[in-house]
PDB file of N, CA and C in Angstrom:
ATOM      1  N   MET A   1       0.856  -1.172   0.000  1.00  0.00           N
ATOM      2  CA  MET A   1       0.000   0.000   0.000  1.00  0.00           C
ATOM      3  C   MET A   1       0.899   1.232   0.000  1.00  0.00           C
ATOM      4  N   GLY A   2       0.671   2.109  -0.954  1.00  0.00           N
ATOM      5  CA  GLY A   2       1.455   3.321  -1.023  1.00  0.00           C
ATOM      6  C   GLY A   2       0.701   4.496  -0.440  1.00  0.00           C
ATOM      7  N   LEU A   3       1.455   5.448   0.029  1.00  0.00           N
ATOM      8  CA  LEU A   3       0.862   6.681   0.562  1.00  0.00           C
ATOM      9  C   LEU A   3       1.322   7.836  -0.310  1.00  0.00           C
ATOM     10  N   ARG A   4       0.431   8.769  -0.514  1.00  0.00           N
ATOM     11  CA  ARG A   4       0.750   9.922  -1.338  1.00  0.00           C
ATOM     12  C   ARG A   4       0.133  11.158  -0.701  1.00  0.00           C
ATOM     13  N   LEU A   5       0.935  12.194  -0.579  1.00  0.00           N
ATOM     14  CA  LEU A   5       0.460  13.492  -0.109  1.00  0.00           C
ATOM     15  C   LEU A   5       0.141  14.304  -1.365  1.00  0.00           C
ATOM     16  N   VAL A   6      -1.085  14.797  -1.471  1.00  0.00           N
ATOM     17  CA  VAL A   6      -1.537  15.476  -2.683  1.00  0.00           C
ATOM     18  C   VAL A   6      -1.924  16.912  -2.352  1.00  0.00           C
ATOM     19  N   TYR A   7      -1.452  17.834  -3.196  1.00  0.00           N
ATOM     20  CA  TYR A   7      -1.831  19.244  -3.095  1.00  0.00           C
ATOM     21  C   TYR A   7      -2.540  19.600  -4.395  1.00  0.00           C
ATOM     22  N   ASP A   8      -3.857  19.572  -4.367  1.00  0.00           N
ATOM     23  CA  ASP A   8      -4.661  19.749  -5.573  1.00  0.00           C
ATOM     24  C   ASP A   8      -4.500  21.120  -6.219  1.00  0.00           C
ATOM     25  N   ASP A   9      -4.372  22.172  -5.423  1.00  0.00           N
ATOM     26  CA  ASP A   9      -4.320  23.528  -5.976  1.00  0.00           C
ATOM     27  C   ASP A   9      -3.193  23.699  -6.987  1.00  0.00           C
ATOM     28  N   LEU A  10      -2.062  23.049  -6.744  1.00  0.00           N
ATOM     29  CA  LEU A  10      -0.923  23.167  -7.657  1.00  0.00           C
ATOM     30  C   LEU A  10      -0.669  21.881  -8.429  1.00  0.00           C
ATOM     31  N   ASP A  11      -1.578  20.928  -8.318  1.00  0.00           N
ATOM     32  CA  ASP A  11      -1.447  19.642  -8.997  1.00  0.00           C
ATOM     33  C   ASP A  11      -0.089  19.000  -8.687  1.00  0.00           C
ATOM     34  N   LEU A  12       0.235  18.956  -7.396  1.00  0.00           N
ATOM     35  CA  LEU A  12       1.485  18.357  -6.932  1.00  0.00           C
ATOM     36  C   LEU A  12       1.177  17.164  -6.053  1.00  0.00           C
ATOM     37  N   SER A  13       2.071  16.191  -6.075  1.00  0.00           N
ATOM     38  CA  SER A  13       1.938  15.075  -5.142  1.00  0.00           C
ATOM     39  C   SER A  13       3.323  14.587  -4.754  1.00  0.00           C
ATOM     40  N   LEU A  14       3.386  13.955  -3.604  1.00  0.00           N
ATOM     41  CA  LEU A  14       4.637  13.424  -3.077  1.00  0.00           C
ATOM     42  C   LEU A  14       4.366  12.005  -2.599  1.00  0.00           C
ATOM     43  N   ASP A  15       5.046  11.040  -3.220  1.00  0.00           N
ATOM     44  CA  ASP A  15       4.925   9.659  -2.769  1.00  0.00           C
ATOM     45  C   ASP A  15       5.731   9.502  -1.492  1.00  0.00           C
ATOM     46  N   LEU A  16       5.110   8.907  -0.487  1.00  0.00           N
ATOM     47  CA  LEU A  16       5.751   8.748   0.815  1.00  0.00           C
ATOM     48  C   LEU A  16       6.182   7.302   1.013  1.00  0.00           C
ATOM     49  N   PRO A  17       7.475   7.102   1.292  1.00  0.00           N
ATOM     50  CA  PRO A  17       7.900   5.744   1.602  1.00  0.00           C
ATOM     51  C   PRO A  17       7.348   5.373   2.971  1.00  0.00           C
ATOM     52  N   GLY A  18       7.121   4.120   3.185  1.00  0.00           N
ATOM     53  CA  GLY A  18       6.570   3.766   4.483  1.00  0.00           C
ATOM     54  C   GLY A  18       6.789   2.318   4.847  1.00  0.00           C
ATOM     55  N   VAL A  19       6.670   2.069   6.102  1.00  0.00           N
ATOM     56  CA  VAL A  19       6.717   0.722   6.638  1.00  0.00           C
ATOM     57  C   VAL A  19       5.316   0.149   6.460  1.00  0.00           C
ATOM     58  N   PRO A  20       5.193  -1.078   5.931  1.00  0.00           N
ATOM     59  CA  PRO A  20       3.856  -1.628   5.669  1.00  0.00           C
ATOM     60  C   PRO A  20       2.899  -1.549   6.859  1.00  0.00           C
ATOM     61  N   ALA A  21       3.364  -1.831   8.054  1.00  0.00           N
ATOM     62  CA  ALA A  21       2.468  -1.792   9.222  1.00  0.00           C
ATOM     63  C   ALA A  21       1.968  -0.373   9.487  1.00  0.00           C
ATOM     64  N   VAL A  22       2.838   0.612   9.294  1.00  0.00           N
ATOM     65  CA  VAL A  22       2.434   2.006   9.508  1.00  0.00           C
ATOM     66  C   VAL A  22       1.453   2.429   8.418  1.00  0.00           C
ATOM     67  N   ALA A  23       1.743   2.051   7.180  1.00  0.00           N
ATOM     68  CA  ALA A  23       0.844   2.387   6.079  1.00  0.00           C
ATOM     69  C   ALA A  23      -0.531   1.765   6.304  1.00  0.00           C
ATOM     70  N   GLU A  24      -0.553   0.537   6.792  1.00  0.00           N
ATOM     71  CA  GLU A  24      -1.827  -0.127   7.071  1.00  0.00           C
ATOM     72  C   GLU A  24      -2.595   0.605   8.173  1.00  0.00           C
ATOM     73  N   ALA A  25      -1.886   1.009   9.216  1.00  0.00           N
ATOM     74  CA  ALA A  25      -2.532   1.738  10.314  1.00  0.00           C
ATOM     75  C   ALA A  25      -3.079   3.078   9.826  1.00  0.00           C
ATOM     76  N   ILE A  26      -2.338   3.744   8.955  1.00  0.00           N
ATOM     77  CA  ILE A  26      -2.824   5.013   8.406  1.00  0.00           C
ATOM     78  C   ILE A  26      -4.082   4.769   7.576  1.00  0.00           C
ATOM     79  N   GLY A  27      -4.084   3.691   6.801  1.00  0.00           N
ATOM     80  CA  GLY A  27      -5.282   3.341   6.035  1.00  0.00           C
ATOM     81  C   GLY A  27      -6.478   3.118   6.938  1.00  0.00           C
ATOM     82  N   MET A  28      -6.267   2.419   8.052  1.00  0.00           N
ATOM     83  CA  MET A  28      -7.353   2.184   9.007  1.00  0.00           C
ATOM     84  C   MET A  28      -7.839   3.501   9.606  1.00  0.00           C
ATOM     85  N   GLN A  29      -6.882   4.396   9.907  1.00  0.00           N
ATOM     86  CA  GLN A  29      -7.251   5.697  10.474  1.00  0.00           C
ATOM     87  C   GLN A  29      -8.099   6.486   9.485  1.00  0.00           C
ATOM     88  N   ILE A  30      -7.697   6.453   8.216  1.00  0.00           N
ATOM     89  CA  ILE A  30      -8.455   7.178   7.196  1.00  0.00           C
ATOM     90  C   ILE A  30      -9.854   6.585   7.045  1.00  0.00           C
ATOM     91  N   GLU A  31      -9.964   5.263   7.137  1.00  0.00           N
ATOM     92  CA  GLU A  31     -11.295   4.638   7.088  1.00  0.00           C
ATOM     93  C   GLU A  31     -12.175   5.137   8.231  1.00  0.00           C
ATOM     94  N   ARG A  32     -11.593   5.319   9.395  1.00  0.00           N
ATOM     95  CA  ARG A  32     -12.355   5.856  10.535  1.00  0.00           C
ATOM     96  C   ARG A  32     -12.857   7.267  10.245  1.00  0.00           C
ATOM     97  N   CYS A  33     -12.104   7.991   9.441  1.00  0.00           N
ATOM     98  CA  CYS A  33     -12.491   9.363   9.106  1.00  0.00           C
ATOM     99  C   CYS A  33     -13.733   9.409   8.226  1.00  0.00           C
ATOM    100  N   LEU A  34     -14.056   8.296   7.589  1.00  0.00           N
ATOM    101  CA  LEU A  34     -15.232   8.255   6.720  1.00  0.00           C
ATOM    102  C   LEU A  34     -16.531   8.225   7.505  1.00  0.00           C
ATOM    103  N   VAL A  35     -16.449   7.891   8.788  1.00  0.00           N
ATOM    104  CA  VAL A  35     -17.622   7.905   9.664  1.00  0.00           C
ATOM    105  C   VAL A  35     -17.971   9.367   9.933  1.00  0.00           C
ATOM    106  N   PRO A  36     -19.242   9.747   9.855  1.00  0.00           N
ATOM    107  CA  PRO A  36     -19.601  11.149  10.117  1.00  0.00           C
ATOM    108  C   PRO A  36     -19.008  11.652  11.439  1.00  0.00           C
ATOM    109  N   GLY A  37     -18.288  12.760  11.349  1.00  0.00           N
ATOM    110  CA  GLY A  37     -17.661  13.356  12.528  1.00  0.00           C
ATOM    111  C   GLY A  37     -16.345  12.716  12.905  1.00  0.00           C
ATOM    112  N   GLY A  38     -15.934  11.680  12.197  1.00  0.00           N
ATOM    113  CA  GLY A  38     -14.718  10.967  12.565  1.00  0.00           C
ATOM    114  C   GLY A  38     -13.436  11.640  12.131  1.00  0.00           C
ATOM    115  N   ALA A  39     -13.508  12.527  11.156  1.00  0.00           N
ATOM    116  CA  ALA A  39     -12.295  13.122  10.598  1.00  0.00           C
ATOM    117  C   ALA A  39     -11.777  14.305  11.395  1.00  0.00           C
ATOM    118  N   SER A  40     -12.623  14.950  12.149  1.00  0.00           N
ATOM    119  CA  SER A  40     -12.263  16.218  12.772  1.00  0.00           C
ATOM    120  C   SER A  40     -11.000  16.140  13.624  1.00  0.00           C
ATOM    121  N   GLY A  41     -10.982  15.262  14.604  1.00  0.00           N
ATOM    122  CA  GLY A  41      -9.824  15.181  15.497  1.00  0.00           C
ATOM    123  C   GLY A  41      -8.566  14.772  14.773  1.00  0.00           C
ATOM    124  N   PHE A  42      -8.661  13.761  13.928  1.00  0.00           N
ATOM    125  CA  PHE A  42      -7.490  13.299  13.183  1.00  0.00           C
ATOM    126  C   PHE A  42      -6.972  14.392  12.261  1.00  0.00           C
ATOM    127  N   ALA A  43      -7.876  15.060  11.560  1.00  0.00           N
ATOM    128  CA  ALA A  43      -7.464  16.105  10.621  1.00  0.00           C
ATOM    129  C   ALA A  43      -6.704  17.219  11.341  1.00  0.00           C
ATOM    130  N   TRP A  44      -7.197  17.647  12.500  1.00  0.00           N
ATOM    131  CA  TRP A  44      -6.515  18.720  13.237  1.00  0.00           C
ATOM    132  C   TRP A  44      -5.171  18.253  13.775  1.00  0.00           C
ATOM    133  N   ARG A  45      -5.090  17.009  14.239  1.00  0.00           N
ATOM    134  CA  ARG A  45      -3.800  16.482  14.707  1.00  0.00           C
ATOM    135  C   ARG A  45      -2.809  16.387  13.550  1.00  0.00           C
ATOM    136  N   LEU A  46      -3.296  15.948  12.393  1.00  0.00           N
ATOM    137  CA  LEU A  46      -2.434  15.826  11.219  1.00  0.00           C
ATOM    138  C   LEU A  46      -1.915  17.196  10.785  1.00  0.00           C
ATOM    139  N   ILE A  47      -2.787  18.187  10.767  1.00  0.00           N
ATOM    140  CA  ILE A  47      -2.359  19.544  10.398  1.00  0.00           C
ATOM    141  C   ILE A  47      -1.305  20.057  11.373  1.00  0.00           C
ATOM    142  N   GLY A  48      -1.509  19.810  12.663  1.00  0.00           N
ATOM    143  CA  GLY A  48      -0.519  20.233  13.657  1.00  0.00           C
ATOM    144  C   GLY A  48       0.829  19.580  13.426  1.00  0.00           C
ATOM    145  N   GLU A  49       0.824  18.288  13.141  1.00  0.00           N
ATOM    146  CA  GLU A  49       2.082  17.579  12.891  1.00  0.00           C
ATOM    147  C   GLU A  49       2.745  18.059  11.609  1.00  0.00           C
ATOM    148  N   LEU A  50       1.968  18.258  10.559  1.00  0.00           N
ATOM    149  CA  LEU A  50       2.538  18.747   9.302  1.00  0.00           C
ATOM    150  C   LEU A  50       3.140  20.139   9.481  1.00  0.00           C
ATOM    151  N   THR A  51       2.472  20.987  10.233  1.00  0.00           N
ATOM    152  CA  THR A  51       3.001  22.326  10.496  1.00  0.00           C
ATOM    153  C   THR A  51       4.332  22.246  11.225  1.00  0.00           C
ATOM    154  N   ASN A  52       4.425  21.370  12.214  1.00  0.00           N
ATOM    155  CA  ASN A  52       5.675  21.216  12.965  1.00  0.00           C
ATOM    156  C   ASN A  52       6.805  20.681  12.100  1.00  0.00           C
ATOM    157  N   MET A  53       6.480  19.981  11.029  1.00  0.00           N
ATOM    158  CA  MET A  53       7.494  19.383  10.168  1.00  0.00           C
ATOM    159  C   MET A  53       7.984  20.330   9.078  1.00  0.00           C
ATOM    160  N   LEU A  54       7.324  21.449   8.889  1.00  0.00           N
ATOM    161  CA  LEU A  54       7.746  22.407   7.865  1.00  0.00           C
ATOM    162  C   LEU A  54       9.129  22.957   8.182  1.00  0.00           C
ATOM    163  N   ASP A  55       9.870  23.352   7.141  1.00  0.00           N
ATOM    164  CA  ASP A  55      11.125  24.062   7.363  1.00  0.00           C
ATOM    165  C   ASP A  55      10.830  25.293   8.215  1.00  0.00           C
ATOM    166  N   ALA A  56      11.799  25.699   9.002  1.00  0.00           N
ATOM    167  CA  ALA A  56      11.594  26.785   9.969  1.00  0.00           C
ATOM    168  C   ALA A  56      11.073  28.066   9.319  1.00  0.00           C
ATOM    169  N   ASP A  57      11.570  28.408   8.130  1.00  0.00           N
ATOM    170  CA  ASP A  57      11.142  29.660   7.500  1.00  0.00           C
ATOM    171  C   ASP A  57       9.703  29.605   6.994  1.00  0.00           C
ATOM    172  N   LEU A  58       9.145  28.405   6.849  1.00  0.00           N
ATOM    173  CA  LEU A  58       7.768  28.259   6.381  1.00  0.00           C
ATOM    174  C   LEU A  58       6.767  28.087   7.512  1.00  0.00           C
ATOM    175  N   GLN A  59       7.257  27.960   8.729  1.00  0.00           N
ATOM    176  CA  GLN A  59       6.360  27.835   9.876  1.00  0.00           C
ATOM    177  C   GLN A  59       5.734  29.196  10.181  1.00  0.00           C
ATOM    178  N   PRO A  60       4.616  29.188  10.884  1.00  0.00           N
ATOM    179  CA  PRO A  60       4.002  30.471  11.257  1.00  0.00           C
ATOM    180  C   PRO A  60       4.914  31.254  12.204  1.00  0.00           C
ATOM    181  N   PRO A  61       4.813  32.577  12.182  1.00  0.00           N
ATOM    182  CA  PRO A  61       5.601  33.380  13.119  1.00  0.00           C
ATOM    183  C   PRO A  61       5.230  33.044  14.559  1.00  0.00           C
ATOM    184  N   SER A  62       6.191  33.240  15.446  1.00  0.00           N
ATOM    185  CA  SER A  62       5.918  33.004  16.865  1.00  0.00           C
ATOM    186  C   SER A  62       5.046  34.136  17.406  1.00  0.00           C
ATOM    187  N   PRO A  63       4.362  33.889  18.519  1.00  0.00           N
ATOM    188  CA  PRO A  63       3.569  34.970  19.129  1.00  0.00           C
ATOM    189  C   PRO A  63       4.432  36.191  19.471  1.00  0.00           C
ATOM    190  N   GLN A  64       5.665  35.954  19.910  1.00  0.00           N
ATOM    191  CA  GLN A  64       6.554  37.073  20.238  1.00  0.00           C
ATOM    192  C   GLN A  64       6.883  37.885  18.988  1.00  0.00           C
ATOM    193  N   GLN A  65       7.146  37.193  17.876  1.00  0.00           N
ATOM    194  CA  GLN A  65       7.421  37.910  16.637  1.00  0.00           C
ATOM    195  C   GLN A  65       6.215  38.751  16.219  1.00  0.00           C
ATOM    196  N   MET A  66       5.030  38.189  16.365  1.00  0.00           N
ATOM    197  CA  MET A  66       3.816  38.921  15.990  1.00  0.00           C
ATOM    198  C   MET A  66       3.656  40.180  16.838  1.00  0.00           C
ATOM    199  N   THR A  67       3.914  40.053  18.135  1.00  0.00           N
ATOM    200  CA  THR A  67       3.792  41.195  19.038  1.00  0.00           C
ATOM    201  C   THR A  67       4.779  42.291  18.664  1.00  0.00           C
ATOM    202  N   ILE A  68       6.034  41.905  18.453  1.00  0.00           N
ATOM    203  CA  ILE A  68       7.069  42.887  18.118  1.00  0.00           C
ATOM    204  C   ILE A  68       6.779  43.531  16.768  1.00  0.00           C
ATOM    205  N   ALA A  69       6.398  42.731  15.780  1.00  0.00           N
ATOM    206  CA  ALA A  69       6.124  43.269  14.447  1.00  0.00           C
ATOM    207  C   ALA A  69       4.939  44.231  14.469  1.00  0.00           C
ATOM    208  N   THR A  70       3.917  43.904  15.231  1.00  0.00           N
ATOM    209  CA  THR A  70       2.757  44.788  15.344  1.00  0.00           C
ATOM    210  C   THR A  70       3.163  46.116  15.969  1.00  0.00           C
ATOM    211  N   LEU A  71       3.978  46.058  17.005  1.00  0.00           N
ATOM    212  CA  LEU A  71       4.474  47.278  17.644  1.00  0.00           C
ATOM    213  C   LEU A  71       5.293  48.109  16.659  1.00  0.00           C
ATOM    214  N   ILE A  72       6.180  47.454  15.928  1.00  0.00           N
ATOM    215  CA  ILE A  72       7.008  48.160  14.945  1.00  0.00           C
ATOM    216  C   ILE A  72       6.124  48.802  13.877  1.00  0.00           C
ATOM    217  N   ALA A  73       5.169  48.045  13.346  1.00  0.00           N
ATOM    218  CA  ALA A  73       4.305  48.566  12.281  1.00  0.00           C
ATOM    219  C   ALA A  73       3.519  49.789  12.751  1.00  0.00           C
ATOM    220  N   LYS A  74       2.971  49.712  13.962  1.00  0.00           N
ATOM    221  CA  LYS A  74       2.195  50.843  14.487  1.00  0.00           C
ATOM    222  C   LYS A  74       3.090  52.036  14.796  1.00  0.00           C
ATOM    223  N   THR A  75       4.236  51.768  15.406  1.00  0.00           N
ATOM    224  CA  THR A  75       5.124  52.852  15.826  1.00  0.00           C
ATOM    225  C   THR A  75       5.751  53.564  14.638  1.00  0.00           C
ATOM    226  N   LEU A  76       6.174  52.794  13.623  1.00  0.00           N
ATOM    227  CA  LEU A  76       6.830  53.387  12.456  1.00  0.00           C
ATOM    228  C   LEU A  76       5.846  53.709  11.332  1.00  0.00           C
ATOM    229  N   ASN A  77       4.568  53.371  11.544  1.00  0.00           N
ATOM    230  CA  ASN A  77       3.540  53.605  10.533  1.00  0.00           C
ATOM    231  C   ASN A  77       3.902  52.946   9.196  1.00  0.00           C
ATOM    232  N   VAL A  78       4.267  51.660   9.273  1.00  0.00           N
ATOM    233  CA  VAL A  78       4.557  50.875   8.075  1.00  0.00           C
ATOM    234  C   VAL A  78       3.580  49.703   8.032  1.00  0.00           C
ATOM    235  N   SER A  79       3.335  49.219   6.831  1.00  0.00           N
ATOM    236  CA  SER A  79       2.417  48.081   6.717  1.00  0.00           C
ATOM    237  C   SER A  79       3.169  46.780   6.979  1.00  0.00           C
ATOM    238  N   LEU A  80       2.456  45.862   7.551  1.00  0.00           N
ATOM    239  CA  LEU A  80       2.991  44.538   7.863  1.00  0.00           C
ATOM    240  C   LEU A  80       2.531  43.608   6.746  1.00  0.00           C
ATOM    241  N   PRO A  81       3.451  43.131   5.902  1.00  0.00           N
ATOM    242  CA  PRO A  81       3.052  42.313   4.754  1.00  0.00           C
ATOM    243  C   PRO A  81       2.328  41.031   5.167  1.00  0.00           C
ATOM    244  N   GLY A  82       1.394  40.620   4.343  1.00  0.00           N
ATOM    245  CA  GLY A  82       0.651  39.394   4.604  1.00  0.00           C
ATOM    246  C   GLY A  82       1.551  38.178   4.727  1.00  0.00           C
ATOM    247  N   GLU A  83       2.614  38.131   3.918  1.00  0.00           N
ATOM    248  CA  GLU A  83       3.540  37.003   3.986  1.00  0.00           C
ATOM    249  C   GLU A  83       4.217  36.937   5.345  1.00  0.00           C
ATOM    250  N   ALA A  84       4.494  38.093   5.931  1.00  0.00           N
ATOM    251  CA  ALA A  84       5.132  38.118   7.253  1.00  0.00           C
ATOM    252  C   ALA A  84       4.188  37.585   8.321  1.00  0.00           C
ATOM    253  N   LEU A  85       2.897  37.759   8.106  1.00  0.00           N
ATOM    254  CA  LEU A  85       1.915  37.243   9.062  1.00  0.00           C
ATOM    255  C   LEU A  85       1.735  35.731   8.932  1.00  0.00           C
ATOM    256  N   ARG A  86       2.160  35.175   7.795  1.00  0.00           N
ATOM    257  CA  ARG A  86       1.985  33.737   7.558  1.00  0.00           C
ATOM    258  C   ARG A  86       3.262  32.923   7.729  1.00  0.00           C
ATOM    259  N   TYR A  87       4.417  33.501   7.425  1.00  0.00           N
ATOM    260  CA  TYR A  87       5.656  32.723   7.382  1.00  0.00           C
ATOM    261  C   TYR A  87       6.736  33.339   8.260  1.00  0.00           C
ATOM    262  N   ARG A  88       7.367  32.505   9.058  1.00  0.00           N
ATOM    263  CA  ARG A  88       8.400  32.959   9.984  1.00  0.00           C
ATOM    264  C   ARG A  88       9.586  33.585   9.255  1.00  0.00           C
ATOM    265  N   GLY A  89       9.968  33.033   8.106  1.00  0.00           N
ATOM    266  CA  GLY A  89      11.091  33.598   7.355  1.00  0.00           C
ATOM    267  C   GLY A  89      10.814  35.020   6.900  1.00  0.00           C
ATOM    268  N   CYS A  90       9.618  35.257   6.384  1.00  0.00           N
ATOM    269  CA  CYS A  90       9.238  36.611   5.954  1.00  0.00           C
ATOM    270  C   CYS A  90       9.120  37.547   7.149  1.00  0.00           C
ATOM    271  N   MET A  91       8.643  37.023   8.274  1.00  0.00           N
ATOM    272  CA  MET A  91       8.552  37.829   9.490  1.00  0.00           C
ATOM    273  C   MET A  91       9.952  38.240   9.944  1.00  0.00           C
ATOM    274  N   THR A  92      10.898  37.313   9.883  1.00  0.00           N
ATOM    275  CA  THR A  92      12.273  37.617  10.274  1.00  0.00           C
ATOM    276  C   THR A  92      12.847  38.712   9.382  1.00  0.00           C
ATOM    277  N   GLU A  93      12.568  38.643   8.075  1.00  0.00           N
ATOM    278  CA  GLU A  93      13.032  39.687   7.156  1.00  0.00           C
ATOM    279  C   GLU A  93      12.425  41.040   7.519  1.00  0.00           C
ATOM    280  N   PHE A  94      11.136  41.056   7.848  1.00  0.00           N
ATOM    281  CA  PHE A  94      10.478  42.301   8.250  1.00  0.00           C
ATOM    282  C   PHE A  94      11.146  42.869   9.499  1.00  0.00           C
ATOM    283  N   LEU A  95      11.356  42.014  10.495  1.00  0.00           N
ATOM    284  CA  LEU A  95      11.961  42.475  11.744  1.00  0.00           C
ATOM    285  C   LEU A  95      13.396  42.939  11.523  1.00  0.00           C
ATOM    286  N   ASP A  96      14.152  42.216  10.698  1.00  0.00           N
ATOM    287  CA  ASP A  96      15.533  42.615  10.406  1.00  0.00           C
ATOM    288  C   ASP A  96      15.580  43.966   9.696  1.00  0.00           C
ATOM    289  N   ARG A  97      14.580  44.231   8.879  1.00  0.00           N
ATOM    290  CA  ARG A  97      14.552  45.490   8.136  1.00  0.00           C
ATOM    291  C   ARG A  97      14.161  46.674   9.013  1.00  0.00           C
ATOM    292  N   TYR A  98      13.133  46.495   9.854  1.00  0.00           N
ATOM    293  CA  TYR A  98      12.562  47.641  10.563  1.00  0.00           C
ATOM    294  C   TYR A  98      13.028  47.818  12.002  1.00  0.00           C
ATOM    295  N   GLN A  99      13.539  46.779  12.630  1.00  0.00           N
ATOM    296  CA  GLN A  99      13.989  46.945  14.021  1.00  0.00           C
ATOM    297  C   GLN A  99      15.098  47.999  14.138  1.00  0.00           C
ATOM    298  N   PRO A 100      16.105  48.010  13.228  1.00  0.00           N
ATOM    299  CA  PRO A 100      17.123  49.069  13.333  1.00  0.00           C
ATOM    300  C   PRO A 100      16.534  50.478  13.209  1.00  0.00           C
ATOM    301  N   LEU A 101      15.505  50.639  12.378  1.00  0.00           N
ATOM    302  CA  LEU A 101      14.860  51.951  12.260  1.00  0.00           C
ATOM    303  C   LEU A 101      14.161  52.333  13.556  1.00  0.00           C
ATOM    304  N   LEU A 102      13.517  51.359  14.174  1.00  0.00           N
ATOM    305  CA  LEU A 102      12.858  51.606  15.458  1.00  0.00           C
ATOM    306  C   LEU A 102      13.894  51.959  16.519  1.00  0.00           C
ATOM    307  N   ASP A 103      14.996  51.198  16.551  1.00  0.00           N
ATOM    308  CA  ASP A 103      16.056  51.458  17.531  1.00  0.00           C
ATOM    309  C   ASP A 103      16.656  52.847  17.343  1.00  0.00           C
ATOM    310  N   ALA A 104      16.840  53.264  16.076  1.00  0.00           N
ATOM    311  CA  ALA A 104      17.427  54.580  15.807  1.00  0.00           C
ATOM    312  C   ALA A 104      16.465  55.707  16.177  1.00  0.00           C
ATOM    313  N   ARG A 105      15.198  55.494  15.906  1.00  0.00           N
ATOM    314  CA  ARG A 105      14.208  56.541  16.150  1.00  0.00           C
ATOM    315  C   ARG A 105      13.807  56.619  17.618  1.00  0.00           C
ATOM    316  N   TYR A 106      13.748  55.476  18.276  1.00  0.00           N
ATOM    317  CA  TYR A 106      13.309  55.407  19.674  1.00  0.00           C
ATOM    318  C   TYR A 106      14.304  54.574  20.485  1.00  0.00           C
ATOM    319  N   PRO A 107      15.465  55.125  20.799  1.00  0.00           N
ATOM    320  CA  PRO A 107      16.486  54.357  21.518  1.00  0.00           C
ATOM    321  C   PRO A 107      15.999  53.813  22.860  1.00  0.00           C
ATOM    322  N   SER A 108      15.054  54.496  23.480  1.00  0.00           N
ATOM    323  CA  SER A 108      14.569  54.040  24.787  1.00  0.00           C
ATOM    324  C   SER A 108      13.797  52.727  24.682  1.00  0.00           C
ATOM    325  N   MET A 109      13.308  52.380  23.494  1.00  0.00           N
ATOM    326  CA  MET A 109      12.564  51.129  23.321  1.00  0.00           C
ATOM    327  C   MET A 109      13.490  49.939  23.108  1.00  0.00           C
ATOM    328  N   ARG A 110      14.767  50.198  22.884  1.00  0.00           N
ATOM    329  CA  ARG A 110      15.714  49.123  22.581  1.00  0.00           C
ATOM    330  C   ARG A 110      15.732  48.070  23.677  1.00  0.00           C
ATOM    331  N   GLY A 111      15.725  48.475  24.917  1.00  0.00           N
ATOM    332  CA  GLY A 111      15.726  47.514  26.018  1.00  0.00           C
ATOM    333  C   GLY A 111      14.417  46.761  26.136  1.00  0.00           C
ATOM    334  N   PHE A 112      13.329  47.410  25.741  1.00  0.00           N
ATOM    335  CA  PHE A 112      12.013  46.773  25.817  1.00  0.00           C
ATOM    336  C   PHE A 112      11.899  45.624  24.819  1.00  0.00           C
ATOM    337  N   ILE A 113      12.369  45.864  23.609  1.00  0.00           N
ATOM    338  CA  ILE A 113      12.250  44.855  22.557  1.00  0.00           C
ATOM    339  C   ILE A 113      13.455  43.930  22.554  1.00  0.00           C
ATOM    340  N   GLY A 114      14.622  44.460  22.773  1.00  0.00           N
ATOM    341  CA  GLY A 114      15.825  43.636  22.769  1.00  0.00           C
ATOM    342  C   GLY A 114      16.354  43.430  21.367  1.00  0.00           C
ATOM    343  N   SER A 115      17.635  43.118  21.295  1.00  0.00           N
ATOM    344  CA  SER A 115      18.239  42.911  19.985  1.00  0.00           C
ATOM    345  C   SER A 115      18.033  41.492  19.486  1.00  0.00           C
ATOM    346  N   LYS A 116      17.829  40.554  20.385  1.00  0.00           N
ATOM    347  CA  LYS A 116      17.558  39.168  19.993  1.00  0.00           C
ATOM    348  C   LYS A 116      16.063  38.953  20.033  1.00  0.00           C
ATOM    349  N   ARG A 117      15.485  38.605  18.900  1.00  0.00           N
ATOM    350  CA  ARG A 117      14.055  38.367  18.839  1.00  0.00           C
ATOM    351  C   ARG A 117      13.760  36.900  19.073  1.00  0.00           C
ATOM    352  N   PRO A 118      12.831  36.577  19.958  1.00  0.00           N
ATOM    353  CA  PRO A 118      12.463  35.183  20.174  1.00  0.00           C
ATOM    354  C   PRO A 118      11.728  34.620  18.967  1.00  0.00           C
ATOM    355  N   GLY A 119      11.795  33.315  18.817  1.00  0.00           N
ATOM    356  CA  GLY A 119      11.040  32.654  17.776  1.00  0.00           C
ATOM    357  C   GLY A 119      11.752  32.532  16.455  1.00  0.00           C
ATOM    358  N   GLN A 120      13.025  32.876  16.410  1.00  0.00           N
ATOM    359  CA  GLN A 120      13.751  32.757  15.142  1.00  0.00           C
ATOM    360  C   GLN A 120      14.312  31.375  15.005  1.00  0.00           C
TER     361      GLN A 120
END
C-alpha cells in the first residue's frame, strides 16, 4: 500500500515511503475518518504535525514575533506584509529590516524589545 500526499491547488503530489504496518494503520485511520464526525480530530492532529514538520522559514511566526512586528508597524507607521503574518522567514526579514529603524528613532525602546528576537 502506497501513501501519497496530494496538493490539488498546484497539482502536486509526493509519494511517501513507508513501513507496511504504519501504512496499514494510516489506512485504518483514514477509514475511521469516513464515519460522520470521525475526521475532525485526526485532521486537526495531522495539520498540527505537518506544520511542525515544515522548514523553519515556512512555519508560522511566533507569538513574540507577531507582538514585536505589530508594535514596529504601528510605531513606524509601516504596513505589515501578509507574507510576514503567515511565514516565519518573511517575518524575520520584516523584523531585520525595521527593528534598526525603530532602535534609531526610539532608543529608549531598545531595552524593551531587545536585539535578539524570540522565535527565530
